Amino acid sequence: MRCGCVGGASGIGLETTRVLTMRGAHVIIAARNIKAANEAKQAILKNNENAKIDVLELDLSSLNSVNAFVHTFKALNLPLNILINNAGVMFCPYQLSQDGIEMHFATNYLGHFHLTNLLLDKMKETATTTGIEGRIVILSSLAHAYTYEQGIRFEKINDKDSYSKKAYGQSKLANILHANELTRRLKEEGVNITVNSVNPGFIMTDLMRHSFVLMSKFMHIYLEKKNINSILSKIECFS
């Protein structure tokens, strides 16, 4: 079974990769930081020498990078049973992506949307030829409720003057809506692929690096032992 894990080099993505390889899955780690991804691969291999892991470069904030990743992956001629959209940024200062889109929306939503769309035919093909139900898991968050009153403000996505930390919640709301709509469309087509949006809970990872210092320290003390529960919630989506 082949699994693509976006953001699989650190945090809960790394733990998900570790658990999946223990279960015999061949995992493709898609990561922006290739050095960190290869270090993660070696750390897993140290404890599980039979783990099947490949590393490919992917920067979700760049649509060109997404295109390049998909081109490289398809050239490997591998099936794709599971896609885990796990990468993201949180509470970062206002900035635009290479494509001129606000960074939360570009990375957390648009990059994952574009990636999923480009890989969907491969997943449909795999589900049909193997008879195994495909799974797409999109990481969501309770923060989807902490967004602008208007919901997703499409006309102000890049507006610097009205930018706030609610931009993160806006991007996570988009993730959930993406999962819901994709579920509806695949069901209409009769495709054997399940889509889930999963809230892993509050987890202390590098995603918190832009949070207030005191908040970050508190979260680290309170949440450092809760990773396993978030991993289990994701693994249940593959069972």
Protein backbone atom coordinates (compact mmCIF):
# COMPACT_ATOMS: atom_id res chain seq x y z
CA MET A 1 0.00 0.00 0.00
CA ARG A 2 1.36 3.41 -1.01
CA CYS A 3 0.75 6.49 1.07
CA GLY A 4 1.68 10.11 0.41
CA CYS A 5 2.19 12.09 3.62
CA VAL A 6 2.48 15.84 3.11
CA GLY A 7 4.43 17.35 5.98
CA GLY A 8 5.60 13.92 7.10
CA ALA A 9 9.03 15.06 8.29
CA SER A 10 8.04 16.52 11.66
CA GLY A 11 5.33 16.71 14.31
CA ILE A 12 2.29 14.50 13.95
CA GLY A 13 3.15 13.94 10.29
CA LEU A 14 6.36 12.24 11.34
CA GLU A 15 4.56 10.08 13.90
CA THR A 16 1.95 9.18 11.30
CA THR A 17 4.72 8.15 8.90
CA ARG A 18 6.35 6.03 11.59
CA VAL A 19 3.12 4.20 12.44
CA LEU A 20 2.20 3.63 8.79
CA THR A 21 5.60 2.13 7.99
CA MET A 22 5.25 -0.15 11.01
CA ARG A 23 2.04 -1.40 9.40
CA GLY A 24 3.87 -2.15 6.16
CA ALA A 25 2.90 0.89 4.11
CA HIS A 26 5.31 2.45 1.61
CA VAL A 27 5.28 6.14 2.55
CA ILE A 28 6.28 9.05 0.35
CA ILE A 29 7.27 11.97 2.58
CA ALA A 30 6.51 15.22 0.76
CA ALA A 31 8.44 18.00 2.46
CA ARG A 32 9.80 21.48 1.85
CA ASN A 33 12.91 20.81 3.95
CA ILE A 34 14.60 17.85 2.26
CA LYS A 35 17.38 17.70 4.86
CA ALA A 36 14.88 17.38 7.71
CA ALA A 37 12.85 14.83 5.75
CA ASN A 38 15.89 12.64 5.12
CA GLU A 39 16.85 12.89 8.79
CA ALA A 40 13.32 11.80 9.70
CA LYS A 41 13.62 8.89 7.28
CA GLN A 42 16.89 7.76 8.84
CA ALA A 43 15.44 8.05 12.36
CA ILE A 44 12.58 5.75 11.38
CA LEU A 45 14.90 3.30 9.60
CA LYS A 46 17.08 3.14 12.71
CA ASN A 47 14.20 1.56 14.62
CA ASN A 48 12.57 -0.19 11.67
CA GLU A 49 15.07 -1.26 9.04
CA ASN A 50 12.29 -2.68 6.86
CA ALA A 51 10.47 0.65 6.61
CA LYS A 52 9.77 1.73 3.03
CA ILE A 53 10.17 5.50 2.76
CA ASP A 54 10.95 7.86 -0.09
CA VAL A 55 11.41 11.62 0.14
CA LEU A 56 10.26 14.13 -2.46
CA GLU A 57 10.45 17.92 -2.33
CA LEU A 58 7.22 19.88 -2.01
CA ASP A 59 6.57 23.48 -1.01
CA LEU A 60 2.80 23.85 -0.70
CA SER A 61 3.00 27.64 -0.77
CA SER A 62 4.13 27.41 -4.42
CA LEU A 63 1.82 26.07 -7.11
CA ASN A 64 4.85 25.48 -9.33
CA SER A 65 6.35 23.30 -6.61
CA VAL A 66 3.11 21.32 -6.38
CA ASN A 67 3.16 20.81 -10.16
CA ALA A 68 6.79 19.66 -10.03
CA PHE A 69 6.09 17.24 -7.17
CA VAL A 70 3.17 15.64 -8.99
CA HIS A 71 5.24 15.32 -12.18
CA THR A 72 8.04 13.59 -10.25
CA PHE A 73 5.65 11.31 -8.36
CA LYS A 74 3.78 10.21 -11.48
CA ALA A 75 7.11 9.46 -13.19
CA LEU A 76 7.72 6.83 -10.47
CA ASN A 77 4.65 4.98 -11.79
CA LEU A 78 3.52 4.03 -8.30
CA PRO A 79 -0.06 3.45 -7.13
CA LEU A 80 -1.49 5.80 -4.50
CA ASN A 81 -3.90 4.41 -1.93
CA ILE A 82 -3.74 7.11 0.74
CA LEU A 83 -3.09 10.86 0.65
CA ILE A 84 -2.54 12.71 3.92
CA ASN A 85 -2.72 16.50 3.66
CA ASN A 86 -0.95 17.32 6.89
CA ALA A 87 1.36 20.29 6.27
CA GLY A 88 0.58 23.84 7.33
CA VAL A 89 1.52 27.17 8.85
CA MET A 90 -0.11 28.85 11.84
CA PHE A 91 -0.27 32.45 13.09
CA CYS A 92 2.65 33.56 10.93
CA PRO A 93 3.18 37.28 10.24
CA TYR A 94 1.43 38.67 7.18
CA GLN A 95 3.16 37.64 3.98
CA LEU A 96 2.30 36.59 0.46
CA SER A 97 3.28 33.36 -1.23
CA GLN A 98 5.30 33.17 -4.45
CA ASP A 99 1.96 33.24 -6.25
CA GLY A 100 0.87 36.42 -4.44
CA ILE A 101 -1.60 34.74 -2.07
CA GLU A 102 -1.82 35.21 1.71
CA MET A 103 0.44 32.54 3.22
CA HIS A 104 -2.09 30.72 5.44
CA PHE A 105 -4.58 30.36 2.60
CA ALA A 106 -1.88 29.49 0.06
CA THR A 107 -0.21 26.80 2.17
CA ASN A 108 -2.98 25.32 4.30
CA TYR A 109 -5.71 25.29 1.69
CA LEU A 110 -4.78 26.16 -1.89
CA GLY A 111 -1.61 24.04 -2.02
CA HIS A 112 -3.42 21.00 -0.62
CA PHE A 113 -6.41 21.60 -2.92
CA HIS A 114 -4.20 21.78 -6.01
CA LEU A 115 -2.18 18.72 -4.95
CA THR A 116 -5.30 16.65 -4.28
CA ASN A 117 -6.85 17.68 -7.58
CA LEU A 118 -3.74 16.69 -9.54
CA LEU A 119 -3.43 13.31 -7.79
CA LEU A 120 -7.11 12.41 -7.86
CA ASP A 121 -6.97 10.52 -11.18
CA LYS A 122 -4.07 8.42 -9.87
CA MET A 123 -6.04 7.62 -6.71
CA LYS A 124 -9.15 6.71 -8.73
CA GLU A 125 -7.05 4.45 -10.95
CA THR A 126 -5.46 2.77 -7.91
CA ALA A 127 -8.81 2.21 -6.21
CA THR A 128 -10.24 0.67 -9.39
CA THR A 129 -7.31 -1.62 -10.25
CA THR A 130 -6.62 -2.82 -6.69
CA GLY A 131 -10.17 -2.94 -5.38
CA ILE A 132 -8.89 -1.22 -2.23
CA GLU A 133 -10.78 1.83 -1.01
CA GLY A 134 -8.70 4.99 -1.34
CA ARG A 135 -8.42 7.41 1.55
CA ILE A 136 -7.82 11.16 1.56
CA VAL A 137 -7.23 12.71 4.97
CA ILE A 138 -7.24 16.50 5.33
CA LEU A 139 -6.03 17.91 8.64
CA SER A 140 -8.55 20.35 10.06
CA SER A 141 -8.72 22.22 13.36
CA LEU A 142 -11.14 23.60 15.93
CA ALA A 143 -9.77 26.95 14.77
CA HIS A 144 -12.16 26.75 11.80
CA ALA A 145 -14.71 28.32 14.17
CA TYR A 146 -12.32 31.16 15.01
CA THR A 147 -12.50 33.04 11.75
CA TYR A 148 -14.10 36.12 10.25
CA GLU A 149 -17.84 36.70 10.65
CA GLN A 150 -18.22 36.42 6.89
CA GLY A 151 -16.49 33.03 6.86
CA ILE A 152 -14.02 32.90 3.99
CA ARG A 153 -13.46 36.46 2.77
CA PHE A 154 -12.50 35.71 -0.81
CA GLU A 155 -12.47 39.38 -1.76
CA LYS A 156 -10.04 40.17 1.09
CA ILE A 157 -7.78 37.10 1.12
CA ASN A 158 -4.71 39.26 0.46
CA ASP A 159 -5.83 42.40 2.32
CA LYS A 160 -2.96 43.39 4.62
CA ASP A 161 -4.91 46.10 6.46
CA SER A 162 -7.59 43.72 7.77
CA TYR A 163 -5.23 40.77 8.31
CA SER A 164 -5.38 39.01 11.68
CA LYS A 165 -4.72 35.62 13.24
CA LYS A 166 -8.20 34.67 12.06
CA ALA A 167 -6.54 34.02 8.70
CA TYR A 168 -5.49 30.64 10.10
CA GLY A 169 -9.08 29.75 11.03
CA GLN A 170 -10.20 30.88 7.60
CA SER A 171 -7.78 28.47 5.94
CA LYS A 172 -8.90 25.57 8.16
CA LEU A 173 -12.55 26.30 7.37
CA ALA A 174 -11.61 26.04 3.70
CA ASN A 175 -10.02 22.63 4.40
CA ILE A 176 -13.25 21.31 5.92
CA LEU A 177 -15.39 22.67 3.08
CA HIS A 178 -12.98 21.10 0.59
CA ALA A 179 -13.33 17.70 2.27
CA ASN A 180 -17.13 17.98 2.36
CA GLU A 181 -17.46 18.99 -1.28
CA LEU A 182 -14.97 16.38 -2.49
CA THR A 183 -16.90 13.73 -0.57
CA ARG A 184 -20.12 14.79 -2.30
CA ARG A 185 -18.58 14.72 -5.77
CA LEU A 186 -16.86 11.35 -5.34
CA LYS A 187 -20.09 9.85 -4.02
CA GLU A 188 -21.97 11.14 -7.07
CA GLU A 189 -19.33 9.56 -9.32
CA GLY A 190 -19.47 6.28 -7.42
CA VAL A 191 -15.72 6.39 -6.80
CA ASN A 192 -14.30 4.09 -4.11
CA ILE A 193 -12.46 6.84 -2.22
CA THR A 194 -13.31 8.18 1.24
CA VAL A 195 -12.41 11.74 2.27
CA ASN A 196 -12.12 12.76 5.92
CA SER A 197 -11.26 16.04 7.60
CA VAL A 198 -9.63 15.25 10.94
CA ASN A 199 -9.14 17.52 13.94
CA PRO A 200 -6.05 16.14 15.76
CA GLY A 201 -6.62 18.31 18.83
CA PHE A 202 -4.06 20.70 20.33
CA ILE A 203 -0.62 19.24 19.69
CA MET A 204 2.73 20.80 20.59
CA THR A 205 4.65 20.87 17.30
CA ASP A 206 6.71 23.38 15.31
CA LEU A 207 3.40 24.75 14.04
CA MET A 208 3.21 26.69 17.33
CA ARG A 209 6.44 28.58 16.70
CA HIS A 210 4.62 31.84 15.85
CA SER A 211 2.44 31.73 18.99
CA PHE A 212 3.04 33.98 21.97
CA VAL A 213 5.98 32.78 24.09
CA LEU A 214 3.95 32.21 27.28
CA MET A 215 1.21 30.45 25.35
CA SER A 216 3.77 28.25 23.64
CA LYS A 217 5.37 27.25 26.95
CA PHE A 218 2.00 26.46 28.49
CA MET A 219 0.95 24.38 25.51
CA HIS A 220 4.24 22.48 25.62
CA ILE A 221 3.77 21.54 29.28
CA TYR A 222 0.11 20.63 28.88
CA LEU A 223 0.16 18.93 25.51
CA GLU A 224 3.53 17.27 25.08
CA LYS A 225 2.12 13.82 25.94
CA LYS A 226 -0.97 14.00 23.74
CA ASN A 227 0.58 13.25 20.34
CA ILE A 228 -0.37 9.58 20.38
CA ASN A 229 -4.10 10.36 20.58
CA SER A 230 -3.92 12.62 17.54
CA ILE A 231 -2.07 9.92 15.62
CA LEU A 232 -4.71 7.36 16.52
CA SER A 233 -7.49 9.64 15.25
CA LYS A 234 -5.71 9.85 11.89
CA ILE A 235 -4.89 6.14 11.70
CA GLU A 236 -8.56 5.29 12.32
CA CYS A 237 -9.34 7.06 9.05
CA PHE A 238 -7.22 4.50 7.19
CA SER A 239 -8.72 1.40 8.84
